[in-house]
């Protein structure tokens, strides 16, 4: 997040992380998660699921999310970009179902002794998370 194509950057939206997030936007959009910040937060969540929320806050420039003012600031910024309750539910569903943390992935690889199985498991969980999130968002959007 500190480096971009021209070296060190001050603006996170010009970083390599933002580029990856922008690539993910069209894939996550049908699930109501079509913001580059969400893509970057989900990538960071592979290290540990609880990192998703803190990464999300950092990407929106909220430094004190544990305070009432920080939560209010994040809520207002998300409301401004159209991220509502349905989007939040889809984000929670996606986080619940997508790939487990890196330690778990490593353990699965070690226990099964198969990189092929591990990659298939990760692909299946990503597909399941995307599909369920898309269904919830698309059906929820009808109401």
Protein backbone atom coordinates (compact mmCIF):
# COMPACT_ATOMS: atom_id res chain seq x y z
CA UNK A 1 0.00 0.00 0.00
CA UNK A 2 3.01 2.30 0.29
CA UNK A 3 4.42 1.59 -3.16
CA UNK A 4 3.11 2.17 -6.64
CA UNK A 5 4.45 1.95 -10.15
CA UNK A 6 6.58 5.07 -9.61
CA UNK A 7 7.93 4.10 -6.19
CA UNK A 8 6.74 5.29 -2.80
CA UNK A 9 3.26 6.86 -2.77
CA UNK A 10 1.44 9.05 -0.28
CA UNK A 11 -2.00 8.27 -1.67
CA UNK A 12 -3.07 4.66 -1.07
CA UNK A 13 -5.33 4.81 -4.13
CA UNK A 14 -2.21 4.96 -6.34
CA UNK A 15 -0.53 1.90 -4.77
CA UNK A 16 -0.04 -1.63 -6.05
CA UNK A 17 -2.71 -2.73 -3.56
CA UNK A 18 -5.21 -0.37 -5.15
CA UNK A 19 -4.35 -1.77 -8.59
CA UNK A 20 -5.14 -5.29 -7.35
CA UNK A 21 -8.34 -4.01 -5.76
CA UNK A 22 -9.42 -2.35 -9.00
CA UNK A 23 -8.86 -5.63 -10.86
CA UNK A 24 -11.16 -7.33 -8.35
CA UNK A 25 -13.94 -4.74 -8.57
CA UNK A 26 -15.80 -6.23 -11.57
CA UNK A 27 -15.72 -9.70 -10.00
CA UNK A 28 -17.00 -8.52 -6.62
CA UNK A 29 -19.56 -6.01 -7.98
CA UNK A 30 -22.40 -8.55 -8.51
CA UNK A 31 -22.08 -9.38 -4.79
CA UNK A 32 -22.44 -5.72 -3.83
CA UNK A 33 -18.75 -5.49 -3.00
CA UNK A 34 -17.53 -3.54 -6.03
CA UNK A 35 -15.10 -1.20 -4.28
CA UNK A 36 -11.34 -1.54 -4.59
CA UNK A 37 -10.96 -1.11 -0.83
CA UNK A 38 -13.01 -4.25 -0.23
CA UNK A 39 -10.83 -6.27 -2.60
CA UNK A 40 -7.67 -5.14 -0.80
CA UNK A 41 -9.21 -5.82 2.62
CA UNK A 42 -10.19 -9.33 1.51
CA UNK A 43 -6.67 -10.02 0.28
CA UNK A 44 -5.25 -8.90 3.62
CA UNK A 45 -7.84 -11.08 5.35
CA UNK A 46 -6.06 -14.18 4.10
CA UNK A 47 -3.43 -13.53 6.77
CA UNK A 48 -6.17 -13.54 9.42
CA UNK A 49 -9.91 -12.94 9.02
CA UNK A 50 -10.02 -10.28 11.75
CA UNK A 51 -7.66 -8.13 9.68
CA UNK A 52 -10.40 -7.48 7.11
CA UNK A 53 -12.16 -4.87 9.26
CA UNK A 54 -9.01 -3.06 10.33
CA UNK A 55 -7.70 -3.03 6.73
CA UNK A 56 -11.03 -1.69 5.54
CA UNK A 57 -10.80 1.15 8.06
CA UNK A 58 -7.20 1.97 7.16
CA UNK A 59 -8.11 2.11 3.47
CA UNK A 60 -10.84 4.64 4.28
CA UNK A 61 -8.43 6.68 6.41
CA UNK A 62 -10.11 5.96 9.75
CA UNK A 63 -7.48 5.77 12.46
CA UNK A 64 -9.71 5.55 15.52
CA UNK A 65 -12.34 3.01 14.51
CA UNK A 66 -12.65 1.76 18.10
CA UNK A 67 -14.21 5.05 19.16
CA UNK A 68 -17.73 6.30 18.55
CA UNK A 69 -16.34 9.09 16.36
CA UNK A 70 -14.37 6.61 14.25
CA UNK A 71 -17.42 4.41 13.70
CA UNK A 72 -19.53 7.46 12.80
CA UNK A 73 -16.88 8.65 10.35
CA UNK A 74 -16.63 5.23 8.70
CA UNK A 75 -20.43 4.94 8.51
CA UNK A 76 -20.79 8.34 6.87
CA UNK A 77 -18.01 7.62 4.35
CA UNK A 78 -19.57 4.27 3.45
CA UNK A 79 -23.03 5.83 3.13
CA UNK A 80 -21.62 8.45 0.76
CA UNK A 81 -20.39 5.75 -1.63
CA UNK A 82 -23.64 3.75 -1.43
CA UNK A 83 -22.44 0.98 0.89
CA UNK A 84 -25.52 0.08 2.89
CA UNK A 85 -26.87 -2.64 5.13
CA UNK A 86 -27.29 -5.18 2.32
CA UNK A 87 -23.68 -4.61 1.23
CA UNK A 88 -22.53 -5.12 4.81
CA UNK A 89 -24.41 -8.43 5.06
CA UNK A 90 -22.87 -9.59 1.80
CA UNK A 91 -19.42 -8.60 3.06
CA UNK A 92 -19.96 -10.63 6.23
CA UNK A 93 -21.19 -13.62 4.24
CA UNK A 94 -18.23 -13.42 1.87
CA UNK A 95 -15.77 -13.18 4.78
CA UNK A 96 -17.42 -16.13 6.49
CA UNK A 97 -17.21 -18.38 3.45
CA UNK A 98 -14.06 -17.39 1.57
CA UNK A 99 -10.64 -18.98 2.06
CA UNK A 100 -9.46 -19.60 5.60
CA UNK A 101 -6.43 -17.88 7.08
CA UNK A 102 -2.93 -18.64 5.84
CA UNK A 103 -2.16 -20.84 8.86
CA UNK A 104 -5.16 -23.03 8.10
CA UNK A 105 -4.25 -23.21 4.42
CA UNK A 106 -0.74 -24.29 5.42
CA UNK A 107 -2.12 -26.92 7.77
CA UNK A 108 -4.44 -28.30 5.09
CA UNK A 109 -1.49 -28.52 2.69
CA UNK A 110 0.63 -30.27 5.33
CA UNK A 111 -2.09 -32.72 6.42
CA UNK A 112 -3.22 -33.65 2.92
CA UNK A 113 0.29 -33.53 1.42
CA UNK A 114 -1.35 -32.18 -1.71
CA UNK A 115 -1.02 -28.71 -3.16
CA UNK A 116 -3.61 -29.68 -5.78
CA UNK A 117 -6.21 -30.48 -3.11
CA UNK A 118 -5.35 -27.30 -1.21
CA UNK A 119 -5.79 -25.13 -4.31
CA UNK A 120 -9.06 -26.88 -5.19
CA UNK A 121 -10.31 -26.30 -1.65
CA UNK A 122 -9.43 -22.62 -1.90
CA UNK A 123 -11.09 -22.28 -5.31
CA UNK A 124 -14.22 -24.04 -4.04
CA UNK A 125 -14.48 -21.78 -1.00
CA UNK A 126 -13.95 -18.64 -3.08
CA UNK A 127 -16.61 -19.77 -5.55
CA UNK A 128 -19.04 -20.63 -2.75
CA UNK A 129 -18.46 -17.27 -1.04
CA UNK A 130 -18.97 -15.40 -4.29
CA UNK A 131 -22.07 -17.36 -5.28
CA UNK A 132 -23.83 -17.05 -1.93
CA UNK A 133 -22.96 -13.34 -1.67
CA UNK A 134 -24.22 -12.69 -5.19
CA UNK A 135 -27.47 -14.54 -4.47
CA UNK A 136 -28.06 -12.62 -1.24
CA UNK A 137 -27.24 -9.28 -2.86
CA UNK A 138 -29.25 -9.84 -6.03
CA UNK A 139 -32.30 -11.18 -4.18
CA UNK A 140 -31.96 -8.53 -1.45
CA UNK A 141 -31.78 -5.81 -4.09
CA UNK A 142 -35.27 -6.79 -5.25
CA UNK A 143 -36.75 -5.70 -1.93
